[in-house]
């Protein structure tokens, strides 16, 4: 089974806060657990451990951090490995382009100073 979930480890019925992308290889069964008071969520029981899916933007951000995703604006996670170019648009706003018809996204002013973004800007301008 090559299914993966964006989730968190669950130990003794409690989320550990270890967010990541987990394989459901060896999935034995799915039941539910009380993730919050009166909120029941699926619990994926595998041979490697028990996992619940993420339910917040923040936990998703933590899960994807190791996969090359960076928050470039409020509510916007970007896979910097997929950025093909960055251009300075109208009013000085920087725009990340992915190519192949994918809609470009703006980069928040306070994020253009990140090392990875500065290097992509230099690479695009050369």
PDB file of N, CA and C in Angstrom:
ATOM      1  N   UNK A   1       0.852  -1.170   0.000  1.00  0.00           N
ATOM      2  CA  UNK A   1       0.000   0.000   0.000  1.00  0.00           C
ATOM      3  C   UNK A   1       0.899   1.234   0.000  1.00  0.00           C
ATOM      4  N   UNK A   2       0.698   2.112  -0.984  1.00  0.00           N
ATOM      5  CA  UNK A   2       1.553   3.299  -1.064  1.00  0.00           C
ATOM      6  C   UNK A   2       0.790   4.570  -0.673  1.00  0.00           C
ATOM      7  N   UNK A   3      -0.082   4.447   0.294  1.00  0.00           N
ATOM      8  CA  UNK A   3      -0.833   5.608   0.781  1.00  0.00           C
ATOM      9  C   UNK A   3      -0.048   6.266   1.909  1.00  0.00           C
ATOM     10  N   UNK A   4      -0.033   7.576   1.891  1.00  0.00           N
ATOM     11  CA  UNK A   4       0.601   8.362   2.946  1.00  0.00           C
ATOM     12  C   UNK A   4      -0.414   9.367   3.477  1.00  0.00           C
ATOM     13  N   UNK A   5      -0.247   9.760   4.724  1.00  0.00           N
ATOM     14  CA  UNK A   5      -1.080  10.820   5.282  1.00  0.00           C
ATOM     15  C   UNK A   5      -0.195  11.902   5.870  1.00  0.00           C
ATOM     16  N   UNK A   6      -0.748  13.094   5.912  1.00  0.00           N
ATOM     17  CA  UNK A   6      -0.118  14.189   6.628  1.00  0.00           C
ATOM     18  C   UNK A   6      -0.704  14.098   8.017  1.00  0.00           C
ATOM     19  N   UNK A   7       0.117  13.780   8.998  1.00  0.00           N
ATOM     20  CA  UNK A   7      -0.465  13.523  10.294  1.00  0.00           C
ATOM     21  C   UNK A   7       0.467  13.724  11.464  1.00  0.00           C
ATOM     22  N   UNK A   8       0.034  13.161  12.571  1.00  0.00           N
ATOM     23  CA  UNK A   8       0.779  13.231  13.819  1.00  0.00           C
ATOM     24  C   UNK A   8       0.738  11.863  14.473  1.00  0.00           C
ATOM     25  N   UNK A   9       1.798  11.529  15.182  1.00  0.00           N
ATOM     26  CA  UNK A   9       1.810  10.275  15.924  1.00  0.00           C
ATOM     27  C   UNK A   9       0.827  10.360  17.081  1.00  0.00           C
ATOM     28  N   UNK A  10       0.208   9.223  17.389  1.00  0.00           N
ATOM     29  CA  UNK A  10      -0.707   9.148  18.516  1.00  0.00           C
ATOM     30  C   UNK A  10      -0.213   8.036  19.434  1.00  0.00           C
ATOM     31  N   UNK A  11      -0.011   8.363  20.705  1.00  0.00           N
ATOM     32  CA  UNK A  11       0.446   7.394  21.703  1.00  0.00           C
ATOM     33  C   UNK A  11      -0.511   7.462  22.889  1.00  0.00           C
ATOM     34  N   UNK A  12      -0.998   6.324  23.284  1.00  0.00           N
ATOM     35  CA  UNK A  12      -1.939   6.245  24.415  1.00  0.00           C
ATOM     36  C   UNK A  12      -3.133   7.185  24.236  1.00  0.00           C
ATOM     37  N   UNK A  13      -3.622   7.287  22.992  1.00  0.00           N
ATOM     38  CA  UNK A  13      -4.791   8.102  22.717  1.00  0.00           C
ATOM     39  C   UNK A  13      -4.547   9.591  22.659  1.00  0.00           C
ATOM     40  N   UNK A  14      -3.288  10.021  22.719  1.00  0.00           N
ATOM     41  CA  UNK A  14      -2.949  11.453  22.697  1.00  0.00           C
ATOM     42  C   UNK A  14      -2.008  11.750  21.536  1.00  0.00           C
ATOM     43  N   UNK A  15      -2.242  12.877  20.872  1.00  0.00           N
ATOM     44  CA  UNK A  15      -1.340  13.310  19.813  1.00  0.00           C
ATOM     45  C   UNK A  15      -0.022  13.768  20.430  1.00  0.00           C
ATOM     46  N   UNK A  16       1.094  13.328  19.838  1.00  0.00           N
ATOM     47  CA  UNK A  16       2.410  13.646  20.395  1.00  0.00           C
ATOM     48  C   UNK A  16       2.936  14.993  19.936  1.00  0.00           C
ATOM     49  N   UNK A  17       2.400  15.509  18.833  1.00  0.00           N
ATOM     50  CA  UNK A  17       2.938  16.746  18.269  1.00  0.00           C
ATOM     51  C   UNK A  17       4.044  16.493  17.267  1.00  0.00           C
ATOM     52  N   UNK A  18       4.387  15.226  17.039  1.00  0.00           N
ATOM     53  CA  UNK A  18       5.376  14.873  16.017  1.00  0.00           C
ATOM     54  C   UNK A  18       4.656  14.797  14.679  1.00  0.00           C
ATOM     55  N   UNK A  19       4.626  15.920  13.966  1.00  0.00           N
ATOM     56  CA  UNK A  19       3.920  16.011  12.696  1.00  0.00           C
ATOM     57  C   UNK A  19       4.843  15.592  11.565  1.00  0.00           C
ATOM     58  N   UNK A  20       4.279  14.931  10.574  1.00  0.00           N
ATOM     59  CA  UNK A  20       5.065  14.517   9.429  1.00  0.00           C
ATOM     60  C   UNK A  20       4.202  13.873   8.375  1.00  0.00           C
ATOM     61  N   UNK A  21       4.854  13.319   7.379  1.00  0.00           N
ATOM     62  CA  UNK A  21       4.175  12.563   6.336  1.00  0.00           C
ATOM     63  C   UNK A  21       4.460  11.101   6.642  1.00  0.00           C
ATOM     64  N   UNK A  22       3.415  10.374   6.950  1.00  0.00           N
ATOM     65  CA  UNK A  22       3.557   8.999   7.416  1.00  0.00           C
ATOM     66  C   UNK A  22       3.004   8.014   6.406  1.00  0.00           C
ATOM     67  N   UNK A  23       3.737   6.940   6.203  1.00  0.00           N
ATOM     68  CA  UNK A  23       3.292   5.860   5.337  1.00  0.00           C
ATOM     69  C   UNK A  23       2.248   5.029   6.061  1.00  0.00           C
ATOM     70  N   UNK A  24       1.244   4.603   5.324  1.00  0.00           N
ATOM     71  CA  UNK A  24       0.258   3.687   5.885  1.00  0.00           C
ATOM     72  C   UNK A  24       0.568   2.248   5.480  1.00  0.00           C
ATOM     73  N   UNK A  25       1.822   2.031   5.093  1.00  0.00           N
ATOM     74  CA  UNK A  25       2.289   0.665   4.820  1.00  0.00           C
ATOM     75  C   UNK A  25       2.064  -0.165   6.084  1.00  0.00           C
ATOM     76  N   UNK A  26       1.519  -1.323   5.941  1.00  0.00           N
ATOM     77  CA  UNK A  26       1.254  -2.169   7.102  1.00  0.00           C
ATOM     78  C   UNK A  26       0.028  -1.711   7.877  1.00  0.00           C
ATOM     79  N   UNK A  27      -0.896  -1.022   7.189  1.00  0.00           N
ATOM     80  CA  UNK A  27      -2.128  -0.579   7.846  1.00  0.00           C
ATOM     81  C   UNK A  27      -2.952  -1.796   8.235  1.00  0.00           C
ATOM     82  N   UNK A  28      -3.234  -1.909   9.519  1.00  0.00           N
ATOM     83  CA  UNK A  28      -3.990  -3.050  10.023  1.00  0.00           C
ATOM     84  C   UNK A  28      -5.469  -2.724  10.184  1.00  0.00           C
ATOM     85  N   UNK A  29      -5.764  -1.567  10.743  1.00  0.00           N
ATOM     86  CA  UNK A  29      -7.161  -1.165  10.893  1.00  0.00           C
ATOM     87  C   UNK A  29      -7.257   0.334  11.178  1.00  0.00           C
ATOM     88  N   UNK A  30      -8.471   0.853  11.011  1.00  0.00           N
ATOM     89  CA  UNK A  30      -8.760   2.254  11.283  1.00  0.00           C
ATOM     90  C   UNK A  30      -9.890   2.288  12.303  1.00  0.00           C
ATOM     91  N   UNK A  31      -9.658   2.980  13.389  1.00  0.00           N
ATOM     92  CA  UNK A  31     -10.731   3.231  14.344  1.00  0.00           C
ATOM     93  C   UNK A  31     -10.740   4.724  14.617  1.00  0.00           C
ATOM     94  N   UNK A  32     -11.307   5.172  15.713  1.00  0.00           N
ATOM     95  CA  UNK A  32     -11.325   6.596  15.995  1.00  0.00           C
ATOM     96  C   UNK A  32     -10.808   6.853  17.403  1.00  0.00           C
ATOM     97  N   UNK A  33     -10.385   8.096  17.611  1.00  0.00           N
ATOM     98  CA  UNK A  33      -9.957   8.523  18.940  1.00  0.00           C
ATOM     99  C   UNK A  33     -10.480   9.926  19.167  1.00  0.00           C
ATOM    100  N   UNK A  34     -10.584  10.314  20.414  1.00  0.00           N
ATOM    101  CA  UNK A  34     -11.082  11.641  20.740  1.00  0.00           C
ATOM    102  C   UNK A  34      -9.915  12.620  20.678  1.00  0.00           C
ATOM    103  N   UNK A  35      -9.789  13.271  19.518  1.00  0.00           N
ATOM    104  CA  UNK A  35      -8.684  14.198  19.291  1.00  0.00           C
ATOM    105  C   UNK A  35      -8.832  15.438  20.167  1.00  0.00           C
ATOM    106  N   UNK A  36     -10.031  15.902  20.301  1.00  0.00           N
ATOM    107  CA  UNK A  36     -10.399  16.994  21.203  1.00  0.00           C
ATOM    108  C   UNK A  36     -11.739  16.629  21.804  1.00  0.00           C
ATOM    109  N   UNK A  37     -12.129  17.349  22.798  1.00  0.00           N
ATOM    110  CA  UNK A  37     -13.395  17.052  23.456  1.00  0.00           C
ATOM    111  C   UNK A  37     -14.523  16.992  22.426  1.00  0.00           C
ATOM    112  N   UNK A  38     -15.162  15.849  22.340  1.00  0.00           N
ATOM    113  CA  UNK A  38     -16.290  15.581  21.441  1.00  0.00           C
ATOM    114  C   UNK A  38     -15.940  15.683  19.963  1.00  0.00           C
ATOM    115  N   UNK A  39     -14.648  15.630  19.638  1.00  0.00           N
ATOM    116  CA  UNK A  39     -14.222  15.608  18.239  1.00  0.00           C
ATOM    117  C   UNK A  39     -13.481  14.300  18.008  1.00  0.00           C
ATOM    118  N   UNK A  40     -14.129  13.408  17.298  1.00  0.00           N
ATOM    119  CA  UNK A  40     -13.535  12.104  17.030  1.00  0.00           C
ATOM    120  C   UNK A  40     -12.916  12.120  15.637  1.00  0.00           C
ATOM    121  N   UNK A  41     -11.710  11.631  15.561  1.00  0.00           N
ATOM    122  CA  UNK A  41     -10.956  11.631  14.316  1.00  0.00           C
ATOM    123  C   UNK A  41     -10.497  10.212  14.007  1.00  0.00           C
ATOM    124  N   UNK A  42     -10.249   9.927  12.724  1.00  0.00           N
ATOM    125  CA  UNK A  42      -9.755   8.599  12.371  1.00  0.00           C
ATOM    126  C   UNK A  42      -8.366   8.354  12.960  1.00  0.00           C
ATOM    127  N   UNK A  43      -8.143   7.129  13.409  1.00  0.00           N
ATOM    128  CA  UNK A  43      -6.844   6.706  13.930  1.00  0.00           C
ATOM    129  C   UNK A  43      -6.373   5.543  13.066  1.00  0.00           C
ATOM    130  N   UNK A  44      -5.259   5.761  12.369  1.00  0.00           N
ATOM    131  CA  UNK A  44      -4.711   4.754  11.460  1.00  0.00           C
ATOM    132  C   UNK A  44      -3.701   3.918  12.229  1.00  0.00           C
ATOM    133  N   UNK A  45      -4.008   2.646  12.402  1.00  0.00           N
ATOM    134  CA  UNK A  45      -3.171   1.735  13.179  1.00  0.00           C
ATOM    135  C   UNK A  45      -2.341   0.882  12.221  1.00  0.00           C
ATOM    136  N   UNK A  46      -1.029   1.137  12.201  1.00  0.00           N
ATOM    137  CA  UNK A  46      -0.118   0.400  11.319  1.00  0.00           C
ATOM    138  C   UNK A  46       0.853  -0.422  12.159  1.00  0.00           C
ATOM    139  N   UNK A  47       1.629  -1.221  11.503  1.00  0.00           N
ATOM    140  CA  UNK A  47       2.654  -1.995  12.208  1.00  0.00           C
ATOM    141  C   UNK A  47       3.754  -1.084  12.761  1.00  0.00           C
ATOM    142  N   UNK A  48       3.900   0.109  12.164  1.00  0.00           N
ATOM    143  CA  UNK A  48       4.939   1.048  12.602  1.00  0.00           C
ATOM    144  C   UNK A  48       4.459   1.983  13.714  1.00  0.00           C
ATOM    145  N   UNK A  49       3.149   2.153  13.862  1.00  0.00           N
ATOM    146  CA  UNK A  49       2.622   3.062  14.878  1.00  0.00           C
ATOM    147  C   UNK A  49       1.206   3.475  14.573  1.00  0.00           C
ATOM    148  N   UNK A  50       0.718   4.421  15.372  1.00  0.00           N
ATOM    149  CA  UNK A  50      -0.642   4.938  15.217  1.00  0.00           C
ATOM    150  C   UNK A  50      -0.558   6.405  14.826  1.00  0.00           C
ATOM    151  N   UNK A  51      -1.393   6.787  13.845  1.00  0.00           N
ATOM    152  CA  UNK A  51      -1.323   8.142  13.311  1.00  0.00           C
ATOM    153  C   UNK A  51      -2.718   8.725  13.103  1.00  0.00           C
ATOM    154  N   UNK A  52      -2.854   9.995  13.435  1.00  0.00           N
ATOM    155  CA  UNK A  52      -4.049  10.757  13.124  1.00  0.00           C
ATOM    156  C   UNK A  52      -3.679  11.815  12.103  1.00  0.00           C
ATOM    157  N   UNK A  53      -4.657  12.267  11.324  1.00  0.00           N
ATOM    158  CA  UNK A  53      -4.349  13.269  10.298  1.00  0.00           C
ATOM    159  C   UNK A  53      -4.293  14.665  10.916  1.00  0.00           C
ATOM    160  N   UNK A  54      -3.621  15.573  10.239  1.00  0.00           N
ATOM    161  CA  UNK A  54      -3.539  16.941  10.734  1.00  0.00           C
ATOM    162  C   UNK A  54      -4.874  17.628  10.531  1.00  0.00           C
ATOM    163  N   UNK A  55      -5.170  18.555  11.410  1.00  0.00           N
ATOM    164  CA  UNK A  55      -6.417  19.299  11.307  1.00  0.00           C
ATOM    165  C   UNK A  55      -6.190  20.804  11.327  1.00  0.00           C
ATOM    166  N   UNK A  56      -4.946  21.232  11.400  1.00  0.00           N
ATOM    167  CA  UNK A  56      -4.666  22.664  11.434  1.00  0.00           C
ATOM    168  C   UNK A  56      -3.587  23.024  10.416  1.00  0.00           C
ATOM    169  N   UNK A  57      -3.599  24.273  10.032  1.00  0.00           N
ATOM    170  CA  UNK A  57      -2.572  24.787   9.128  1.00  0.00           C
ATOM    171  C   UNK A  57      -1.192  24.662   9.771  1.00  0.00           C
ATOM    172  N   UNK A  58      -1.102  24.993  11.054  1.00  0.00           N
ATOM    173  CA  UNK A  58       0.188  24.962  11.745  1.00  0.00           C
ATOM    174  C   UNK A  58       0.789  23.561  11.766  1.00  0.00           C
ATOM    175  N   UNK A  59      -0.024  22.553  12.047  1.00  0.00           N
ATOM    176  CA  UNK A  59       0.517  21.189  12.070  1.00  0.00           C
ATOM    177  C   UNK A  59       0.898  20.724  10.661  1.00  0.00           C
ATOM    178  N   UNK A  60       0.157  21.181   9.655  1.00  0.00           N
ATOM    179  CA  UNK A  60       0.511  20.857   8.271  1.00  0.00           C
ATOM    180  C   UNK A  60       1.837  21.512   7.899  1.00  0.00           C
ATOM    181  N   UNK A  61       2.019  22.761   8.338  1.00  0.00           N
ATOM    182  CA  UNK A  61       3.276  23.485   8.079  1.00  0.00           C
ATOM    183  C   UNK A  61       4.459  22.724   8.676  1.00  0.00           C
ATOM    184  N   UNK A  62       4.315  22.244   9.896  1.00  0.00           N
ATOM    185  CA  UNK A  62       5.389  21.473  10.533  1.00  0.00           C
ATOM    186  C   UNK A  62       5.654  20.164   9.791  1.00  0.00           C
ATOM    187  N   UNK A  63       4.598  19.525   9.335  1.00  0.00           N
ATOM    188  CA  UNK A  63       4.746  18.247   8.633  1.00  0.00           C
ATOM    189  C   UNK A  63       5.512  18.405   7.325  1.00  0.00           C
ATOM    190  N   UNK A  64       5.302  19.501   6.621  1.00  0.00           N
ATOM    191  CA  UNK A  64       5.917  19.692   5.305  1.00  0.00           C
ATOM    192  C   UNK A  64       7.256  20.416   5.350  1.00  0.00           C
ATOM    193  N   UNK A  65       7.665  20.893   6.496  1.00  0.00           N
ATOM    194  CA  UNK A  65       8.932  21.641   6.607  1.00  0.00           C
ATOM    195  C   UNK A  65      10.107  20.828   6.058  1.00  0.00           C
ATOM    196  N   UNK A  66      10.171  19.554   6.406  1.00  0.00           N
ATOM    197  CA  UNK A  66      11.296  18.715   5.965  1.00  0.00           C
ATOM    198  C   UNK A  66      11.214  18.353   4.484  1.00  0.00           C
ATOM    199  N   UNK A  67      10.092  18.679   3.836  1.00  0.00           N
ATOM    200  CA  UNK A  67       9.910  18.367   2.416  1.00  0.00           C
ATOM    201  C   UNK A  67      10.213  19.569   1.521  1.00  0.00           C
ATOM    202  N   UNK A  68      10.745  20.645   2.099  1.00  0.00           N
ATOM    203  CA  UNK A  68      11.124  21.810   1.305  1.00  0.00           C
ATOM    204  C   UNK A  68      10.055  22.887   1.210  1.00  0.00           C
ATOM    205  N   UNK A  69       9.030  22.817   2.040  1.00  0.00           N
ATOM    206  CA  UNK A  69       7.981  23.827   2.019  1.00  0.00           C
ATOM    207  C   UNK A  69       8.305  24.944   3.000  1.00  0.00           C
ATOM    208  N   UNK A  70       8.075  26.172   2.563  1.00  0.00           N
ATOM    209  CA  UNK A  70       8.350  27.357   3.355  1.00  0.00           C
ATOM    210  C   UNK A  70       7.101  28.241   3.314  1.00  0.00           C
ATOM    211  N   UNK A  71       6.767  28.842   4.446  1.00  0.00           N
ATOM    212  CA  UNK A  71       5.642  29.764   4.475  1.00  0.00           C
ATOM    213  C   UNK A  71       6.099  31.086   3.897  1.00  0.00           C
ATOM    214  N   UNK A  72       5.493  31.471   2.760  1.00  0.00           N
ATOM    215  CA  UNK A  72       5.899  32.707   2.090  1.00  0.00           C
ATOM    216  C   UNK A  72       4.881  33.822   2.244  1.00  0.00           C
ATOM    217  N   UNK A  73       3.774  33.537   2.889  1.00  0.00           N
ATOM    218  CA  UNK A  73       2.772  34.543   3.210  1.00  0.00           C
ATOM    219  C   UNK A  73       1.809  33.901   4.194  1.00  0.00           C
ATOM    220  N   UNK A  74       0.942  34.678   4.788  1.00  0.00           N
ATOM    221  CA  UNK A  74      -0.038  34.109   5.711  1.00  0.00           C
ATOM    222  C   UNK A  74      -0.895  33.095   4.964  1.00  0.00           C
ATOM    223  N   UNK A  75      -0.943  31.887   5.482  1.00  0.00           N
ATOM    224  CA  UNK A  75      -1.761  30.852   4.862  1.00  0.00           C
ATOM    225  C   UNK A  75      -1.225  30.327   3.547  1.00  0.00           C
ATOM    226  N   UNK A  76       0.058  30.500   3.277  1.00  0.00           N
ATOM    227  CA  UNK A  76       0.628  30.061   1.999  1.00  0.00           C
ATOM    228  C   UNK A  76       1.926  29.297   2.228  1.00  0.00           C
ATOM    229  N   UNK A  77       1.876  27.987   2.016  1.00  0.00           N
ATOM    230  CA  UNK A  77       3.077  27.141   2.060  1.00  0.00           C
ATOM    231  C   UNK A  77       3.505  26.864   0.633  1.00  0.00           C
ATOM    232  N   UNK A  78       4.781  27.046   0.352  1.00  0.00           N
ATOM    233  CA  UNK A  78       5.293  26.886  -1.005  1.00  0.00           C
ATOM    234  C   UNK A  78       6.438  25.891  -1.001  1.00  0.00           C
ATOM    235  N   UNK A  79       6.396  24.976  -1.970  1.00  0.00           N
ATOM    236  CA  UNK A  79       7.505  24.051  -2.177  1.00  0.00           C
ATOM    237  C   UNK A  79       8.564  24.812  -2.964  1.00  0.00           C
ATOM    238  N   UNK A  80       9.593  25.279  -2.285  1.00  0.00           N
ATOM    239  CA  UNK A  80      10.605  26.113  -2.944  1.00  0.00           C
ATOM    240  C   UNK A  80      11.372  25.337  -4.008  1.00  0.00           C
ATOM    241  N   UNK A  81      11.355  24.018  -3.937  1.00  0.00           N
ATOM    242  CA  UNK A  81      12.024  23.209  -4.955  1.00  0.00           C
ATOM    243  C   UNK A  81      11.300  23.265  -6.298  1.00  0.00           C
ATOM    244  N   UNK A  82      10.056  23.705  -6.298  1.00  0.00           N
ATOM    245  CA  UNK A  82       9.267  23.777  -7.526  1.00  0.00           C
ATOM    246  C   UNK A  82       9.234  25.169  -8.136  1.00  0.00           C
ATOM    247  N   UNK A  83       9.812  26.156  -7.455  1.00  0.00           N
ATOM    248  CA  UNK A  83       9.836  27.519  -7.999  1.00  0.00           C
ATOM    249  C   UNK A  83      10.813  27.560  -9.166  1.00  0.00           C
ATOM    250  N   UNK A  84      10.308  28.021 -10.320  1.00  0.00           N
ATOM    251  CA  UNK A  84      11.154  28.120 -11.524  1.00  0.00           C
ATOM    252  C   UNK A  84      11.799  29.496 -11.630  1.00  0.00           C
ATOM    253  N   UNK A  85      11.074  30.530 -11.183  1.00  0.00           N
ATOM    254  CA  UNK A  85      11.633  31.883 -11.240  1.00  0.00           C
ATOM    255  C   UNK A  85      10.877  32.782 -10.264  1.00  0.00           C
ATOM    256  N   UNK A  86      11.529  33.880  -9.930  1.00  0.00           N
ATOM    257  CA  UNK A  86      10.916  34.910  -9.091  1.00  0.00           C
ATOM    258  C   UNK A  86      11.122  36.240  -9.805  1.00  0.00           C
ATOM    259  N   UNK A  87      10.043  36.982  -9.936  1.00  0.00           N
ATOM    260  CA  UNK A  87      10.152  38.296 -10.575  1.00  0.00           C
ATOM    261  C   UNK A  87       9.567  39.357  -9.658  1.00  0.00           C
ATOM    262  N   UNK A  88      10.065  40.562  -9.829  1.00  0.00           N
ATOM    263  CA  UNK A  88       9.514  41.682  -9.086  1.00  0.00           C
ATOM    264  C   UNK A  88       8.383  42.266  -9.920  1.00  0.00           C
ATOM    265  N   UNK A  89       7.182  42.208  -9.353  1.00  0.00           N
ATOM    266  CA  UNK A  89       6.003  42.696 -10.057  1.00  0.00           C
ATOM    267  C   UNK A  89       5.708  44.144  -9.731  1.00  0.00           C
ATOM    268  N   UNK A  90       4.479  44.510 -10.020  1.00  0.00           N
ATOM    269  CA  UNK A  90       4.022  45.872  -9.742  1.00  0.00           C
ATOM    270  C   UNK A  90       4.124  46.174  -8.254  1.00  0.00           C
ATOM    271  N   UNK A  91       4.400  47.414  -7.945  1.00  0.00           N
ATOM    272  CA  UNK A  91       4.489  47.915  -6.572  1.00  0.00           C
ATOM    273  C   UNK A  91       5.575  47.220  -5.761  1.00  0.00           C
ATOM    274  N   UNK A  92       6.563  46.595  -6.451  1.00  0.00           N
ATOM    275  CA  UNK A  92       7.695  45.981  -5.769  1.00  0.00           C
ATOM    276  C   UNK A  92       7.428  44.617  -5.156  1.00  0.00           C
ATOM    277  N   UNK A  93       6.260  44.056  -5.405  1.00  0.00           N
ATOM    278  CA  UNK A  93       5.915  42.739  -4.854  1.00  0.00           C
ATOM    279  C   UNK A  93       6.635  41.656  -5.656  1.00  0.00           C
ATOM    280  N   UNK A  94       7.251  40.721  -4.955  1.00  0.00           N
ATOM    281  CA  UNK A  94       7.906  39.606  -5.624  1.00  0.00           C
ATOM    282  C   UNK A  94       6.897  38.478  -5.842  1.00  0.00           C
ATOM    283  N   UNK A  95       6.994  37.854  -7.014  1.00  0.00           N
ATOM    284  CA  UNK A  95       6.064  36.802  -7.411  1.00  0.00           C
ATOM    285  C   UNK A  95       6.864  35.542  -7.732  1.00  0.00           C
ATOM    286  N   UNK A  96       6.436  34.409  -7.146  1.00  0.00           N
ATOM    287  CA  UNK A  96       7.074  33.118  -7.427  1.00  0.00           C
ATOM    288  C   UNK A  96       6.317  32.432  -8.564  1.00  0.00           C
ATOM    289  N   UNK A  97       7.070  32.010  -9.572  1.00  0.00           N
ATOM    290  CA  UNK A  97       6.492  31.320 -10.737  1.00  0.00           C
ATOM    291  C   UNK A  97       6.931  29.859 -10.726  1.00  0.00           C
ATOM    292  N   UNK A  98       5.979  28.986 -11.063  1.00  0.00           N
ATOM    293  CA  UNK A  98       6.248  27.551 -11.084  1.00  0.00           C
ATOM    294  C   UNK A  98       6.306  26.988 -12.501  1.00  0.00           C
ATOM    295  N   UNK A  99       5.791  27.724 -13.466  1.00  0.00           N
ATOM    296  CA  UNK A  99       5.755  27.254 -14.844  1.00  0.00           C
ATOM    297  C   UNK A  99       4.651  26.234 -15.057  1.00  0.00           C
ATOM    298  N   UNK A 100       4.546  25.742 -16.276  1.00  0.00           N
ATOM    299  CA  UNK A 100       3.591  24.695 -16.655  1.00  0.00           C
ATOM    300  C   UNK A 100       2.152  25.032 -16.304  1.00  0.00           C
ATOM    301  N   UNK A 101       1.792  26.317 -16.340  1.00  0.00           N
ATOM    302  CA  UNK A 101       0.419  26.720 -16.110  1.00  0.00           C
ATOM    303  C   UNK A 101      -0.015  26.806 -14.657  1.00  0.00           C
ATOM    304  N   UNK A 102       0.920  26.567 -13.717  1.00  0.00           N
ATOM    305  CA  UNK A 102       0.586  26.677 -12.303  1.00  0.00           C
ATOM    306  C   UNK A 102       0.506  28.162 -11.944  1.00  0.00           C
ATOM    307  N   UNK A 103      -0.552  28.540 -11.239  1.00  0.00           N
ATOM    308  CA  UNK A 103      -0.754  29.940 -10.884  1.00  0.00           C
ATOM    309  C   UNK A 103       0.383  30.457 -10.003  1.00  0.00           C
ATOM    310  N   UNK A 104       0.983  31.595 -10.375  1.00  0.00           N
ATOM    311  CA  UNK A 104       2.048  32.175  -9.544  1.00  0.00           C
ATOM    312  C   UNK A 104       1.492  32.700  -8.229  1.00  0.00           C
ATOM    313  N   UNK A 105       2.365  32.836  -7.240  1.00  0.00           N
ATOM    314  CA  UNK A 105       1.941  33.305  -5.921  1.00  0.00           C
ATOM    315  C   UNK A 105       2.845  34.449  -5.457  1.00  0.00           C
ATOM    316  N   UNK A 106       2.270  35.375  -4.686  1.00  0.00           N
ATOM    317  CA  UNK A 106       3.069  36.479  -4.165  1.00  0.00           C
ATOM    318  C   UNK A 106       3.907  36.027  -2.968  1.00  0.00           C
ATOM    319  N   UNK A 107       5.001  36.726  -2.771  1.00  0.00           N
ATOM    320  CA  UNK A 107       5.872  36.481  -1.622  1.00  0.00           C
ATOM    321  C   UNK A 107       5.732  37.679  -0.684  1.00  0.00           C
ATOM    322  N   UNK A 108       5.406  37.407   0.555  1.00  0.00           N
ATOM    323  CA  UNK A 108       5.265  38.489   1.537  1.00  0.00           C
ATOM    324  C   UNK A 108       6.578  39.250   1.647  1.00  0.00           C
ATOM    325  N   UNK A 109       6.460  40.534   1.861  1.00  0.00           N
ATOM    326  CA  UNK A 109       7.625  41.412   1.932  1.00  0.00           C
ATOM    327  C   UNK A 109       8.650  40.925   2.958  1.00  0.00           C
ATOM    328  N   UNK A 110       8.181  40.445   4.111  1.00  0.00           N
ATOM    329  CA  UNK A 110       9.105  40.009   5.159  1.00  0.00           C
ATOM    330  C   UNK A 110       9.726  38.640   4.868  1.00  0.00           C
ATOM    331  N   UNK A 111       9.304  37.960   3.812  1.00  0.00           N
ATOM    332  CA  UNK A 111       9.857  36.642   3.482  1.00  0.00           C
ATOM    333  C   UNK A 111      10.912  36.695   2.385  1.00  0.00           C
ATOM    334  N   UNK A 112      11.017  37.823   1.688  1.00  0.00           N
ATOM    335  CA  UNK A 112      11.986  37.882   0.584  1.00  0.00           C
ATOM    336  C   UNK A 112      13.427  37.907   1.077  1.00  0.00           C
ATOM    337  N   UNK A 113      13.630  38.098   2.377  1.00  0.00           N
ATOM    338  CA  UNK A 113      14.980  38.102   2.950  1.00  0.00           C
ATOM    339  C   UNK A 113      15.435  36.698   3.390  1.00  0.00           C
ATOM    340  N   UNK A 114      14.562  35.702   3.272  1.00  0.00           N
ATOM    341  CA  UNK A 114      14.983  34.332   3.586  1.00  0.00           C
ATOM    342  C   UNK A 114      16.099  33.926   2.634  1.00  0.00           C
ATOM    343  N   UNK A 115      17.092  33.223   3.129  1.00  0.00           N
ATOM    344  CA  UNK A 115      18.243  32.835   2.305  1.00  0.00           C
ATOM    345  C   UNK A 115      17.826  32.139   1.021  1.00  0.00           C
ATOM    346  N   UNK A 116      16.891  31.196   1.119  1.00  0.00           N
ATOM    347  CA  UNK A 116      16.480  30.431  -0.066  1.00  0.00           C
ATOM    348  C   UNK A 116      15.815  31.340  -1.097  1.00  0.00           C
ATOM    349  N   UNK A 117      15.036  32.301  -0.648  1.00  0.00           N
ATOM    350  CA  UNK A 117      14.359  33.215  -1.575  1.00  0.00           C
ATOM    351  C   UNK A 117      15.357  34.184  -2.195  1.00  0.00           C
ATOM    352  N   UNK A 118      16.264  34.714  -1.377  1.00  0.00           N
ATOM    353  CA  UNK A 118      17.294  35.602  -1.930  1.00  0.00           C
ATOM    354  C   UNK A 118      18.122  34.893  -2.993  1.00  0.00           C
ATOM    355  N   UNK A 119      18.459  33.629  -2.760  1.00  0.00           N
ATOM    356  CA  UNK A 119      19.259  32.901  -3.755  1.00  0.00           C
ATOM    357  C   UNK A 119      18.449  32.633  -5.030  1.00  0.00           C
ATOM    358  N   UNK A 120      17.156  32.396  -4.893  1.00  0.00           N
ATOM    359  CA  UNK A 120      16.313  32.203  -6.088  1.00  0.00           C
ATOM    360  C   UNK A 120      16.152  33.511  -6.869  1.00  0.00           C
ATOM    361  N   UNK A 121      16.053  34.622  -6.159  1.00  0.00           N
ATOM    362  CA  UNK A 121      15.954  35.927  -6.819  1.00  0.00           C
ATOM    363  C   UNK A 121      17.242  36.195  -7.610  1.00  0.00           C
ATOM    364  N   UNK A 122      18.398  35.959  -6.976  1.00  0.00           N
ATOM    365  CA  UNK A 122      19.690  36.168  -7.661  1.00  0.00           C
ATOM    366  C   UNK A 122      19.829  35.253  -8.877  1.00  0.00           C
ATOM    367  N   UNK A 123      19.423  34.011  -8.711  1.00  0.00           N
ATOM    368  CA  UNK A 123      19.498  33.031  -9.808  1.00  0.00           C
ATOM    369  C   UNK A 123      18.622  33.473 -10.983  1.00  0.00           C
ATOM    370  N   UNK A 124      17.439  33.993 -10.689  1.00  0.00           N
ATOM    371  CA  UNK A 124      16.510  34.438 -11.728  1.00  0.00           C
ATOM    372  C   UNK A 124      17.028  35.668 -12.435  1.00  0.00           C
ATOM    373  N   UNK A 125      17.677  36.568 -11.697  1.00  0.00           N
ATOM    374  CA  UNK A 125      18.146  37.832 -12.274  1.00  0.00           C
ATOM    375  C   UNK A 125      19.447  37.686 -13.067  1.00  0.00           C
ATOM    376  N   UNK A 126      20.116  36.556 -12.902  1.00  0.00           N
ATOM    377  CA  UNK A 126      21.402  36.409 -13.632  1.00  0.00           C
ATOM    378  C   UNK A 126      21.235  35.783 -14.981  1.00  0.00           C
TER     379      UNK A 126
END
